[in-house]
C-alpha cells in the first residue's frame, strides 16, 4: 500500500473520461505501445502513449472511452509528447487492462 494522502491531495488529480479517436503504432517506444489521440469534449484533444498492445488491437480501441489523468505535465516519450495518462490495472499475465466507465458518458466528464 502507498502512503496515505488527504482528500485535498485527491482533489488535485483531474481524472476525466475521453474517447479514443485515433490510434497509431509507436515503433520508437522502448516497450511496445500505441500513440492514442483522445477526445475530452470541451477540454480538447490530448495525446497519450500507452503500453497496451498485448491485449488490445487498434480496432478494439477506436471509439472506446477511457479514464485518464489529464493534469500531469506533458512527458516526452521518444519522439512523442504524452499529454495525459490513461489509467489501467495489471492483470495476472502482467498486461494492462484499461479502466473505463460502465456506461457511455460525456467526453470530459470528471471522475469524483
PDB file of N, CA and C in Angstrom:
ATOM      1  N   UNK A   1       0.842  -1.182   0.000  1.00  0.00           N
ATOM      2  CA  UNK A   1       0.000   0.000   0.000  1.00  0.00           C
ATOM      3  C   UNK A   1       0.885   1.242   0.000  1.00  0.00           C
ATOM      4  N   UNK A   2       0.425   2.274  -0.686  1.00  0.00           N
ATOM      5  CA  UNK A   2       1.172   3.525  -0.746  1.00  0.00           C
ATOM      6  C   UNK A   2       0.850   4.402   0.447  1.00  0.00           C
ATOM      7  N   UNK A   3       1.613   5.476   0.577  1.00  0.00           N
ATOM      8  CA  UNK A   3       1.434   6.401   1.688  1.00  0.00           C
ATOM      9  C   UNK A   3       0.045   7.039   1.663  1.00  0.00           C
ATOM     10  N   UNK A   4      -0.505   7.264   2.829  1.00  0.00           N
ATOM     11  CA  UNK A   4      -1.820   7.875   2.963  1.00  0.00           C
ATOM     12  C   UNK A   4      -1.787   9.317   2.468  1.00  0.00           C
ATOM     13  N   UNK A   5      -2.862   9.723   1.780  1.00  0.00           N
ATOM     14  CA  UNK A   5      -2.958  11.100   1.306  1.00  0.00           C
ATOM     15  C   UNK A   5      -4.231  11.719   1.880  1.00  0.00           C
ATOM     16  N   UNK A   6      -4.349  13.025   1.735  1.00  0.00           N
ATOM     17  CA  UNK A   6      -5.546  13.718   2.198  1.00  0.00           C
ATOM     18  C   UNK A   6      -6.535  13.840   1.041  1.00  0.00           C
ATOM     19  N   UNK A   7      -7.771  14.197   1.370  1.00  0.00           N
ATOM     20  CA  UNK A   7      -8.774  14.436   0.346  1.00  0.00           C
ATOM     21  C   UNK A   7      -8.341  15.587  -0.556  1.00  0.00           C
ATOM     22  N   UNK A   8      -7.685  16.570   0.016  1.00  0.00           N
ATOM     23  CA  UNK A   8      -7.187  17.709  -0.772  1.00  0.00           C
ATOM     24  C   UNK A   8      -6.159  17.241  -1.799  1.00  0.00           C
ATOM     25  N   UNK A   9      -5.337  16.240  -1.450  1.00  0.00           N
ATOM     26  CA  UNK A   9      -4.393  15.662  -2.416  1.00  0.00           C
ATOM     27  C   UNK A   9      -5.155  15.037  -3.578  1.00  0.00           C
ATOM     28  N   UNK A  10      -6.205  14.291  -3.270  1.00  0.00           N
ATOM     29  CA  UNK A  10      -7.010  13.649  -4.311  1.00  0.00           C
ATOM     30  C   UNK A  10      -7.630  14.694  -5.240  1.00  0.00           C
ATOM     31  N   UNK A  11      -8.096  15.802  -4.668  1.00  0.00           N
ATOM     32  CA  UNK A  11      -8.747  16.837  -5.471  1.00  0.00           C
ATOM     33  C   UNK A  11      -7.804  17.476  -6.488  1.00  0.00           C
ATOM     34  N   UNK A  12      -6.512  17.358  -6.283  1.00  0.00           N
ATOM     35  CA  UNK A  12      -5.532  17.905  -7.232  1.00  0.00           C
ATOM     36  C   UNK A  12      -5.457  17.079  -8.511  1.00  0.00           C
ATOM     37  N   UNK A  13      -5.895  15.826  -8.459  1.00  0.00           N
ATOM     38  CA  UNK A  13      -5.801  14.924  -9.612  1.00  0.00           C
ATOM     39  C   UNK A  13      -7.070  15.087 -10.451  1.00  0.00           C
ATOM     40  N   UNK A  14      -6.887  15.477 -11.717  1.00  0.00           N
ATOM     41  CA  UNK A  14      -8.020  15.693 -12.617  1.00  0.00           C
ATOM     42  C   UNK A  14      -8.205  14.446 -13.485  1.00  0.00           C
ATOM     43  N   UNK A  15      -9.163  13.603 -13.103  1.00  0.00           N
ATOM     44  CA  UNK A  15      -9.429  12.345 -13.795  1.00  0.00           C
ATOM     45  C   UNK A  15     -10.691  12.531 -14.636  1.00  0.00           C
ATOM     46  N   UNK A  16     -10.562  12.274 -15.935  1.00  0.00           N
ATOM     47  CA  UNK A  16     -11.669  12.522 -16.867  1.00  0.00           C
ATOM     48  C   UNK A  16     -11.892  11.322 -17.784  1.00  0.00           C
ATOM     49  N   UNK A  17     -13.077  11.303 -18.375  1.00  0.00           N
ATOM     50  CA  UNK A  17     -13.439  10.297 -19.375  1.00  0.00           C
ATOM     51  C   UNK A  17     -13.247  10.915 -20.755  1.00  0.00           C
ATOM     52  N   UNK A  18     -12.633  10.157 -21.652  1.00  0.00           N
ATOM     53  CA  UNK A  18     -12.461  10.611 -23.024  1.00  0.00           C
ATOM     54  C   UNK A  18     -12.611   9.446 -23.987  1.00  0.00           C
ATOM     55  N   UNK A  19     -12.800   9.764 -25.257  1.00  0.00           N
ATOM     56  CA  UNK A  19     -12.973   8.749 -26.290  1.00  0.00           C
ATOM     57  C   UNK A  19     -11.753   8.727 -27.205  1.00  0.00           C
ATOM     58  N   UNK A  20     -11.206   7.542 -27.414  1.00  0.00           N
ATOM     59  CA  UNK A  20     -10.070   7.388 -28.322  1.00  0.00           C
ATOM     60  C   UNK A  20     -10.577   7.571 -29.747  1.00  0.00           C
ATOM     61  N   UNK A  21     -10.010   8.562 -30.444  1.00  0.00           N
ATOM     62  CA  UNK A  21     -10.460   8.854 -31.806  1.00  0.00           C
ATOM     63  C   UNK A  21      -9.419   8.478 -32.865  1.00  0.00           C
ATOM     64  N   UNK A  22      -8.205   8.183 -32.413  1.00  0.00           N
ATOM     65  CA  UNK A  22      -7.147   7.771 -33.351  1.00  0.00           C
ATOM     66  C   UNK A  22      -6.117   6.954 -32.597  1.00  0.00           C
ATOM     67  N   UNK A  23      -5.583   5.922 -33.252  1.00  0.00           N
ATOM     68  CA  UNK A  23      -4.556   5.058 -32.669  1.00  0.00           C
ATOM     69  C   UNK A  23      -3.474   4.866 -33.714  1.00  0.00           C
ATOM     70  N   UNK A  24      -2.220   5.067 -33.288  1.00  0.00           N
ATOM     71  CA  UNK A  24      -1.092   4.862 -34.190  1.00  0.00           C
ATOM     72  C   UNK A  24      -0.068   3.952 -33.532  1.00  0.00           C
ATOM     73  N   UNK A  25       0.639   3.179 -34.350  1.00  0.00           N
ATOM     74  CA  UNK A  25       1.759   2.394 -33.839  1.00  0.00           C
ATOM     75  C   UNK A  25       2.823   3.350 -33.332  1.00  0.00           C
ATOM     76  N   UNK A  26       3.650   2.877 -32.415  1.00  0.00           N
ATOM     77  CA  UNK A  26       4.705   3.710 -31.829  1.00  0.00           C
ATOM     78  C   UNK A  26       6.022   2.928 -31.852  1.00  0.00           C
ATOM     79  N   UNK A  27       6.619   2.780 -33.038  1.00  0.00           N
ATOM     80  CA  UNK A  27       7.815   1.953 -33.167  1.00  0.00           C
ATOM     81  C   UNK A  27       9.036   2.477 -32.406  1.00  0.00           C
ATOM     82  N   UNK A  28       9.077   3.770 -32.079  1.00  0.00           N
ATOM     83  CA  UNK A  28      10.237   4.320 -31.369  1.00  0.00           C
ATOM     84  C   UNK A  28      10.161   4.141 -29.853  1.00  0.00           C
ATOM     85  N   UNK A  29       9.050   3.662 -29.343  1.00  0.00           N
ATOM     86  CA  UNK A  29       8.911   3.425 -27.902  1.00  0.00           C
ATOM     87  C   UNK A  29       9.815   2.258 -27.490  1.00  0.00           C
ATOM     88  N   UNK A  30      10.364   2.325 -26.267  1.00  0.00           N
ATOM     89  CA  UNK A  30      11.226   1.234 -25.769  1.00  0.00           C
ATOM     90  C   UNK A  30      10.461  -0.067 -25.613  1.00  0.00           C
ATOM     91  N   UNK A  31       9.235   0.017 -25.108  1.00  0.00           N
ATOM     92  CA  UNK A  31       8.363  -1.151 -24.973  1.00  0.00           C
ATOM     93  C   UNK A  31       7.206  -0.954 -25.950  1.00  0.00           C
ATOM     94  N   UNK A  32       6.647  -2.052 -26.462  1.00  0.00           N
ATOM     95  CA  UNK A  32       5.541  -1.920 -27.423  1.00  0.00           C
ATOM     96  C   UNK A  32       4.419  -1.028 -26.872  1.00  0.00           C
ATOM     97  N   UNK A  33       4.000  -0.058 -27.686  1.00  0.00           N
ATOM     98  CA  UNK A  33       2.996   0.908 -27.250  1.00  0.00           C
ATOM     99  C   UNK A  33       2.241   1.453 -28.459  1.00  0.00           C
ATOM    100  N   UNK A  34       1.116   2.070 -28.147  1.00  0.00           N
ATOM    101  CA  UNK A  34       0.352   2.822 -29.142  1.00  0.00           C
ATOM    102  C   UNK A  34       0.426   4.303 -28.789  1.00  0.00           C
ATOM    103  N   UNK A  35       0.272   5.140 -29.797  1.00  0.00           N
ATOM    104  CA  UNK A  35       0.039   6.560 -29.601  1.00  0.00           C
ATOM    105  C   UNK A  35      -1.475   6.748 -29.721  1.00  0.00           C
ATOM    106  N   UNK A  36      -2.083   7.254 -28.665  1.00  0.00           N
ATOM    107  CA  UNK A  36      -3.527   7.447 -28.646  1.00  0.00           C
ATOM    108  C   UNK A  36      -3.860   8.928 -28.757  1.00  0.00           C
ATOM    109  N   UNK A  37      -4.879   9.240 -29.520  1.00  0.00           N
ATOM    110  CA  UNK A  37      -5.434  10.591 -29.602  1.00  0.00           C
ATOM    111  C   UNK A  37      -6.825  10.488 -28.972  1.00  0.00           C
ATOM    112  N   UNK A  38      -7.053  11.283 -27.909  1.00  0.00           N
ATOM    113  CA  UNK A  38      -8.255  11.133 -27.086  1.00  0.00           C
ATOM    114  C   UNK A  38      -9.037  12.444 -27.057  1.00  0.00           C
ATOM    115  N   UNK A  39     -10.342  12.346 -27.287  1.00  0.00           N
ATOM    116  CA  UNK A  39     -11.235  13.497 -27.265  1.00  0.00           C
ATOM    117  C   UNK A  39     -11.842  13.646 -25.875  1.00  0.00           C
ATOM    118  N   UNK A  40     -11.549  14.783 -25.224  1.00  0.00           N
ATOM    119  CA  UNK A  40     -12.092  15.080 -23.905  1.00  0.00           C
ATOM    120  C   UNK A  40     -13.168  16.168 -23.980  1.00  0.00           C
ATOM    121  N   UNK A  41     -13.899  16.209 -25.080  1.00  0.00           N
ATOM    122  CA  UNK A  41     -15.003  17.147 -25.228  1.00  0.00           C
ATOM    123  C   UNK A  41     -14.542  18.593 -25.176  1.00  0.00           C
ATOM    124  N   UNK A  42     -15.174  19.384 -24.308  1.00  0.00           N
ATOM    125  CA  UNK A  42     -14.852  20.808 -24.196  1.00  0.00           C
ATOM    126  C   UNK A  42     -13.418  21.060 -23.743  1.00  0.00           C
ATOM    127  N   UNK A  43     -12.767  20.044 -23.162  1.00  0.00           N
ATOM    128  CA  UNK A  43     -11.379  20.186 -22.700  1.00  0.00           C
ATOM    129  C   UNK A  43     -10.376  19.972 -23.827  1.00  0.00           C
ATOM    130  N   UNK A  44     -10.851  19.531 -24.980  1.00  0.00           N
ATOM    131  CA  UNK A  44      -9.993  19.373 -26.146  1.00  0.00           C
ATOM    132  C   UNK A  44      -9.477  17.971 -26.367  1.00  0.00           C
ATOM    133  N   UNK A  45      -8.536  17.888 -27.289  1.00  0.00           N
ATOM    134  CA  UNK A  45      -7.918  16.633 -27.709  1.00  0.00           C
ATOM    135  C   UNK A  45      -6.562  16.531 -27.027  1.00  0.00           C
ATOM    136  N   UNK A  46      -6.248  15.349 -26.491  1.00  0.00           N
ATOM    137  CA  UNK A  46      -4.945  15.114 -25.861  1.00  0.00           C
ATOM    138  C   UNK A  46      -4.356  13.823 -26.399  1.00  0.00           C
ATOM    139  N   UNK A  47      -3.023  13.752 -26.336  1.00  0.00           N
ATOM    140  CA  UNK A  47      -2.283  12.577 -26.804  1.00  0.00           C
ATOM    141  C   UNK A  47      -1.738  11.810 -25.609  1.00  0.00           C
ATOM    142  N   UNK A  48      -1.626  10.486 -25.786  1.00  0.00           N
ATOM    143  CA  UNK A  48      -1.062   9.645 -24.738  1.00  0.00           C
ATOM    144  C   UNK A  48      -0.355   8.454 -25.371  1.00  0.00           C
ATOM    145  N   UNK A  49       0.720   8.034 -24.747  1.00  0.00           N
ATOM    146  CA  UNK A  49       1.396   6.791 -25.117  1.00  0.00           C
ATOM    147  C   UNK A  49       0.921   5.728 -24.140  1.00  0.00           C
ATOM    148  N   UNK A  50       0.532   4.557 -24.664  1.00  0.00           N
ATOM    149  CA  UNK A  50       0.005   3.513 -23.786  1.00  0.00           C
ATOM    150  C   UNK A  50       0.577   2.154 -24.173  1.00  0.00           C
ATOM    151  N   UNK A  51       1.135   1.459 -23.202  1.00  0.00           N
ATOM    152  CA  UNK A  51       1.705   0.124 -23.405  1.00  0.00           C
ATOM    153  C   UNK A  51       0.603  -0.918 -23.235  1.00  0.00           C
ATOM    154  N   UNK A  52      -0.274  -0.983 -24.214  1.00  0.00           N
ATOM    155  CA  UNK A  52      -1.448  -1.845 -24.132  1.00  0.00           C
ATOM    156  C   UNK A  52      -1.584  -2.734 -25.365  1.00  0.00           C
ATOM    157  N   UNK A  53      -0.492  -2.930 -26.081  1.00  0.00           N
ATOM    158  CA  UNK A  53      -0.539  -3.673 -27.349  1.00  0.00           C
ATOM    159  C   UNK A  53      -0.733  -5.173 -27.162  1.00  0.00           C
ATOM    160  N   UNK A  54      -0.472  -5.689 -25.962  1.00  0.00           N
ATOM    161  CA  UNK A  54      -0.577  -7.136 -25.740  1.00  0.00           C
ATOM    162  C   UNK A  54      -2.010  -7.650 -25.804  1.00  0.00           C
ATOM    163  N   UNK A  55      -2.961  -6.862 -25.307  1.00  0.00           N
ATOM    164  CA  UNK A  55      -4.334  -7.378 -25.280  1.00  0.00           C
ATOM    165  C   UNK A  55      -5.332  -6.507 -26.042  1.00  0.00           C
ATOM    166  N   UNK A  56      -4.889  -5.379 -26.600  1.00  0.00           N
ATOM    167  CA  UNK A  56      -5.793  -4.520 -27.359  1.00  0.00           C
ATOM    168  C   UNK A  56      -5.254  -4.312 -28.771  1.00  0.00           C
ATOM    169  N   UNK A  57      -6.135  -4.458 -29.750  1.00  0.00           N
ATOM    170  CA  UNK A  57      -5.783  -4.093 -31.126  1.00  0.00           C
ATOM    171  C   UNK A  57      -6.236  -2.661 -31.358  1.00  0.00           C
ATOM    172  N   UNK A  58      -5.765  -2.073 -32.430  1.00  0.00           N
ATOM    173  CA  UNK A  58      -6.207  -0.721 -32.772  1.00  0.00           C
ATOM    174  C   UNK A  58      -7.724  -0.708 -33.007  1.00  0.00           C
ATOM    175  N   UNK A  59      -8.243  -1.768 -33.578  1.00  0.00           N
ATOM    176  CA  UNK A  59      -9.689  -1.850 -33.821  1.00  0.00           C
ATOM    177  C   UNK A  59     -10.466  -1.900 -32.508  1.00  0.00           C
ATOM    178  N   UNK A  60      -9.910  -2.605 -31.494  1.00  0.00           N
ATOM    179  CA  UNK A  60     -10.547  -2.663 -30.171  1.00  0.00           C
ATOM    180  C   UNK A  60     -10.651  -1.270 -29.546  1.00  0.00           C
ATOM    181  N   UNK A  61      -9.651  -0.454 -29.793  1.00  0.00           N
ATOM    182  CA  UNK A  61      -9.518   0.822 -29.087  1.00  0.00           C
ATOM    183  C   UNK A  61     -10.270   1.981 -29.734  1.00  0.00           C
ATOM    184  N   UNK A  62     -10.457   1.936 -31.034  1.00  0.00           N
ATOM    185  CA  UNK A  62     -11.105   3.047 -31.719  1.00  0.00           C
ATOM    186  C   UNK A  62     -12.514   3.253 -31.160  1.00  0.00           C
ATOM    187  N   UNK A  63     -12.795   4.476 -30.753  1.00  0.00           N
ATOM    188  CA  UNK A  63     -14.089   4.895 -30.182  1.00  0.00           C
ATOM    189  C   UNK A  63     -14.368   4.336 -28.787  1.00  0.00           C
ATOM    190  N   UNK A  64     -13.356   3.750 -28.141  1.00  0.00           N
ATOM    191  CA  UNK A  64     -13.504   3.259 -26.752  1.00  0.00           C
ATOM    192  C   UNK A  64     -13.300   4.435 -25.795  1.00  0.00           C
ATOM    193  N   UNK A  65     -14.169   4.511 -24.791  1.00  0.00           N
ATOM    194  CA  UNK A  65     -13.982   5.519 -23.754  1.00  0.00           C
ATOM    195  C   UNK A  65     -12.994   4.999 -22.714  1.00  0.00           C
ATOM    196  N   UNK A  66     -12.098   5.888 -22.292  1.00  0.00           N
ATOM    197  CA  UNK A  66     -11.082   5.536 -21.308  1.00  0.00           C
ATOM    198  C   UNK A  66     -11.060   6.577 -20.199  1.00  0.00           C
ATOM    199  N   UNK A  67     -10.486   6.187 -19.083  1.00  0.00           N
ATOM    200  CA  UNK A  67     -10.312   7.062 -17.935  1.00  0.00           C
ATOM    201  C   UNK A  67      -8.861   7.529 -17.923  1.00  0.00           C
ATOM    202  N   UNK A  68      -8.653   8.844 -17.775  1.00  0.00           N
ATOM    203  CA  UNK A  68      -7.297   9.392 -17.864  1.00  0.00           C
ATOM    204  C   UNK A  68      -7.082  10.513 -16.859  1.00  0.00           C
ATOM    205  N   UNK A  69      -5.848  10.645 -16.418  1.00  0.00           N
ATOM    206  CA  UNK A  69      -5.450  11.819 -15.645  1.00  0.00           C
ATOM    207  C   UNK A  69      -4.968  12.838 -16.666  1.00  0.00           C
ATOM    208  N   UNK A  70      -5.606  14.018 -16.656  1.00  0.00           N
ATOM    209  CA  UNK A  70      -5.288  14.992 -17.707  1.00  0.00           C
ATOM    210  C   UNK A  70      -4.461  16.180 -17.221  1.00  0.00           C
ATOM    211  N   UNK A  71      -4.119  16.230 -15.934  1.00  0.00           N
ATOM    212  CA  UNK A  71      -3.371  17.399 -15.470  1.00  0.00           C
ATOM    213  C   UNK A  71      -1.931  17.080 -15.048  1.00  0.00           C
ATOM    214  N   UNK A  72      -1.364  16.006 -15.586  1.00  0.00           N
ATOM    215  CA  UNK A  72       0.082  15.796 -15.449  1.00  0.00           C
ATOM    216  C   UNK A  72       0.796  16.725 -16.406  1.00  0.00           C
ATOM    217  N   UNK A  73       2.030  17.088 -16.080  1.00  0.00           N
ATOM    218  CA  UNK A  73       2.839  17.828 -17.040  1.00  0.00           C
ATOM    219  C   UNK A  73       3.106  16.917 -18.231  1.00  0.00           C
ATOM    220  N   UNK A  74       3.100  17.471 -19.457  1.00  0.00           N
ATOM    221  CA  UNK A  74       3.411  16.643 -20.637  1.00  0.00           C
ATOM    222  C   UNK A  74       4.768  15.965 -20.474  1.00  0.00           C
ATOM    223  N   UNK A  75       4.864  14.752 -21.031  1.00  0.00           N
ATOM    224  CA  UNK A  75       6.085  13.956 -20.882  1.00  0.00           C
ATOM    225  C   UNK A  75       6.559  13.490 -22.255  1.00  0.00           C
ATOM    226  N   UNK A  76       7.821  13.756 -22.539  1.00  0.00           N
ATOM    227  CA  UNK A  76       8.421  13.337 -23.810  1.00  0.00           C
ATOM    228  C   UNK A  76       8.736  11.846 -23.748  1.00  0.00           C
ATOM    229  N   UNK A  77       8.183  11.084 -24.690  1.00  0.00           N
ATOM    230  CA  UNK A  77       8.474   9.660 -24.803  1.00  0.00           C
ATOM    231  C   UNK A  77       8.961   9.440 -26.223  1.00  0.00           C
ATOM    232  N   UNK A  78      10.267   9.198 -26.363  1.00  0.00           N
ATOM    233  CA  UNK A  78      10.911   9.119 -27.679  1.00  0.00           C
ATOM    234  C   UNK A  78      10.590  10.409 -28.430  1.00  0.00           C
ATOM    235  N   UNK A  79       9.975  10.301 -29.601  1.00  0.00           N
ATOM    236  CA  UNK A  79       9.676  11.494 -30.407  1.00  0.00           C
ATOM    237  C   UNK A  79       8.227  11.956 -30.240  1.00  0.00           C
ATOM    238  N   UNK A  80       7.578  11.579 -29.141  1.00  0.00           N
ATOM    239  CA  UNK A  80       6.158  11.820 -28.933  1.00  0.00           C
ATOM    240  C   UNK A  80       5.942  12.514 -27.591  1.00  0.00           C
ATOM    241  N   UNK A  81       5.069  13.533 -27.562  1.00  0.00           N
ATOM    242  CA  UNK A  81       4.756  14.224 -26.314  1.00  0.00           C
ATOM    243  C   UNK A  81       3.431  13.691 -25.772  1.00  0.00           C
ATOM    244  N   UNK A  82       3.501  12.981 -24.639  1.00  0.00           N
ATOM    245  CA  UNK A  82       2.318  12.423 -23.998  1.00  0.00           C
ATOM    246  C   UNK A  82       1.729  13.483 -23.074  1.00  0.00           C
ATOM    247  N   UNK A  83       0.432  13.777 -23.244  1.00  0.00           N
ATOM    248  CA  UNK A  83      -0.209  14.875 -22.521  1.00  0.00           C
ATOM    249  C   UNK A  83      -1.152  14.418 -21.417  1.00  0.00           C
ATOM    250  N   UNK A  84      -1.425  13.135 -21.337  1.00  0.00           N
ATOM    251  CA  UNK A  84      -2.291  12.610 -20.281  1.00  0.00           C
ATOM    252  C   UNK A  84      -1.899  11.164 -20.005  1.00  0.00           C
ATOM    253  N   UNK A  85      -2.375  10.635 -18.886  1.00  0.00           N
ATOM    254  CA  UNK A  85      -2.070   9.266 -18.504  1.00  0.00           C
ATOM    255  C   UNK A  85      -3.349   8.445 -18.512  1.00  0.00           C
ATOM    256  N   UNK A  86      -3.428   7.487 -19.428  1.00  0.00           N
ATOM    257  CA  UNK A  86      -4.574   6.587 -19.496  1.00  0.00           C
ATOM    258  C   UNK A  86      -4.428   5.573 -18.359  1.00  0.00           C
ATOM    259  N   UNK A  87      -5.494   5.376 -17.603  1.00  0.00           N
ATOM    260  CA  UNK A  87      -5.431   4.528 -16.413  1.00  0.00           C
ATOM    261  C   UNK A  87      -5.800   3.078 -16.714  1.00  0.00           C
ATOM    262  N   UNK A  88      -5.094   2.180 -16.046  1.00  0.00           N
ATOM    263  CA  UNK A  88      -5.357   0.762 -16.187  1.00  0.00           C
ATOM    264  C   UNK A  88      -4.786   0.009 -15.009  1.00  0.00           C
ATOM    265  N   UNK A  89      -5.060  -1.277 -14.973  1.00  0.00           N
ATOM    266  CA  UNK A  89      -4.510  -2.154 -13.945  1.00  0.00           C
ATOM    267  C   UNK A  89      -3.819  -3.322 -14.628  1.00  0.00           C
ATOM    268  N   UNK A  90      -2.858  -3.923 -13.951  1.00  0.00           N
ATOM    269  CA  UNK A  90      -2.179  -5.099 -14.485  1.00  0.00           C
ATOM    270  C   UNK A  90      -2.994  -6.345 -14.153  1.00  0.00           C
ATOM    271  N   UNK A  91      -3.227  -7.193 -15.150  1.00  0.00           N
ATOM    272  CA  UNK A  91      -3.905  -8.465 -14.899  1.00  0.00           C
ATOM    273  C   UNK A  91      -2.878  -9.516 -14.469  1.00  0.00           C
ATOM    274  N   UNK A  92      -3.321 -10.750 -14.301  1.00  0.00           N
ATOM    275  CA  UNK A  92      -2.451 -11.827 -13.822  1.00  0.00           C
ATOM    276  C   UNK A  92      -1.283 -12.103 -14.765  1.00  0.00           C
ATOM    277  N   UNK A  93      -1.455 -11.808 -16.055  1.00  0.00           N
ATOM    278  CA  UNK A  93      -0.387 -12.046 -17.036  1.00  0.00           C
ATOM    279  C   UNK A  93       0.559 -10.854 -17.165  1.00  0.00           C
ATOM    280  N   UNK A  94       0.307  -9.789 -16.418  1.00  0.00           N
ATOM    281  CA  UNK A  94       1.162  -8.607 -16.471  1.00  0.00           C
ATOM    282  C   UNK A  94       0.803  -7.642 -17.582  1.00  0.00           C
ATOM    283  N   UNK A  95      -0.385  -7.800 -18.177  1.00  0.00           N
ATOM    284  CA  UNK A  95      -0.848  -6.892 -19.222  1.00  0.00           C
ATOM    285  C   UNK A  95      -1.759  -5.829 -18.621  1.00  0.00           C
ATOM    286  N   UNK A  96      -1.725  -4.629 -19.209  1.00  0.00           N
ATOM    287  CA  UNK A  96      -2.563  -3.542 -18.721  1.00  0.00           C
ATOM    288  C   UNK A  96      -3.988  -3.689 -19.248  1.00  0.00           C
ATOM    289  N   UNK A  97      -4.954  -3.652 -18.330  1.00  0.00           N
ATOM    290  CA  UNK A  97      -6.375  -3.651 -18.653  1.00  0.00           C
ATOM    291  C   UNK A  97      -6.881  -2.242 -18.370  1.00  0.00           C
ATOM    292  N   UNK A  98      -7.479  -1.604 -19.360  1.00  0.00           N
ATOM    293  CA  UNK A  98      -7.923  -0.226 -19.226  1.00  0.00           C
ATOM    294  C   UNK A  98      -9.093  -0.082 -18.264  1.00  0.00           C
ATOM    295  N   UNK A  99      -9.076   1.017 -17.491  1.00  0.00           N
ATOM    296  CA  UNK A  99     -10.212   1.368 -16.641  1.00  0.00           C
ATOM    297  C   UNK A  99     -11.162   2.212 -17.472  1.00  0.00           C
ATOM    298  N   UNK A 100     -12.448   1.920 -17.373  1.00  0.00           N
ATOM    299  CA  UNK A 100     -13.418   2.688 -18.147  1.00  0.00           C
ATOM    300  C   UNK A 100     -14.744   2.721 -17.427  1.00  0.00           C
ATOM    301  N   UNK A 101     -15.590   3.640 -17.855  1.00  0.00           N
ATOM    302  CA  UNK A 101     -16.927   3.772 -17.291  1.00  0.00           C
ATOM    303  C   UNK A 101     -17.772   2.567 -17.694  1.00  0.00           C
ATOM    304  N   UNK A 102     -18.663   2.139 -16.808  1.00  0.00           N
ATOM    305  CA  UNK A 102     -19.538   1.008 -17.129  1.00  0.00           C
ATOM    306  C   UNK A 102     -20.639   1.408 -18.112  1.00  0.00           C
ATOM    307  N   UNK A 103     -20.878   2.697 -18.281  1.00  0.00           N
ATOM    308  CA  UNK A 103     -21.863   3.224 -19.233  1.00  0.00           C
ATOM    309  C   UNK A 103     -21.204   4.352 -20.022  1.00  0.00           C
ATOM    310  N   UNK A 104     -21.637   4.511 -21.281  1.00  0.00           N
ATOM    311  CA  UNK A 104     -21.111   5.611 -22.096  1.00  0.00           C
ATOM    312  C   UNK A 104     -21.479   6.922 -21.430  1.00  0.00           C
ATOM    313  N   UNK A 105     -20.533   7.844 -21.409  1.00  0.00           N
ATOM    314  CA  UNK A 105     -20.758   9.133 -20.758  1.00  0.00           C
ATOM    315  C   UNK A 105     -20.186  10.241 -21.619  1.00  0.00           C
ATOM    316  N   UNK A 106     -20.435  11.459 -21.235  1.00  0.00           N
ATOM    317  CA  UNK A 106     -19.976  12.625 -21.989  1.00  0.00           C
ATOM    318  C   UNK A 106     -18.461  12.747 -21.898  1.00  0.00           C
ATOM    319  N   UNK A 107     -17.819  12.980 -23.047  1.00  0.00           N
ATOM    320  CA  UNK A 107     -16.378  13.207 -23.052  1.00  0.00           C
ATOM    321  C   UNK A 107     -16.059  14.419 -22.173  1.00  0.00           C
ATOM    322  N   UNK A 108     -15.053  14.254 -21.333  1.00  0.00           N
ATOM    323  CA  UNK A 108     -14.647  15.309 -20.421  1.00  0.00           C
ATOM    324  C   UNK A 108     -15.284  15.198 -19.050  1.00  0.00           C
ATOM    325  N   UNK A 109     -16.217  14.256 -18.875  1.00  0.00           N
ATOM    326  CA  UNK A 109     -16.848  14.086 -17.562  1.00  0.00           C
ATOM    327  C   UNK A 109     -15.772  13.788 -16.522  1.00  0.00           C
ATOM    328  N   UNK A 110     -15.899  14.404 -15.371  1.00  0.00           N
ATOM    329  CA  UNK A 110     -14.895  14.276 -14.317  1.00  0.00           C
ATOM    330  C   UNK A 110     -15.242  13.144 -13.367  1.00  0.00           C
ATOM    331  N   UNK A 111     -14.238  12.341 -13.042  1.00  0.00           N
ATOM    332  CA  UNK A 111     -14.373  11.281 -12.044  1.00  0.00           C
ATOM    333  C   UNK A 111     -14.304  11.936 -10.673  1.00  0.00           C
ATOM    334  N   UNK A 112     -15.243  11.579  -9.813  1.00  0.00           N
ATOM    335  CA  UNK A 112     -15.239  12.168  -8.469  1.00  0.00           C
ATOM    336  C   UNK A 112     -15.570  11.120  -7.433  1.00  0.00           C
TER     337      UNK A 112
END
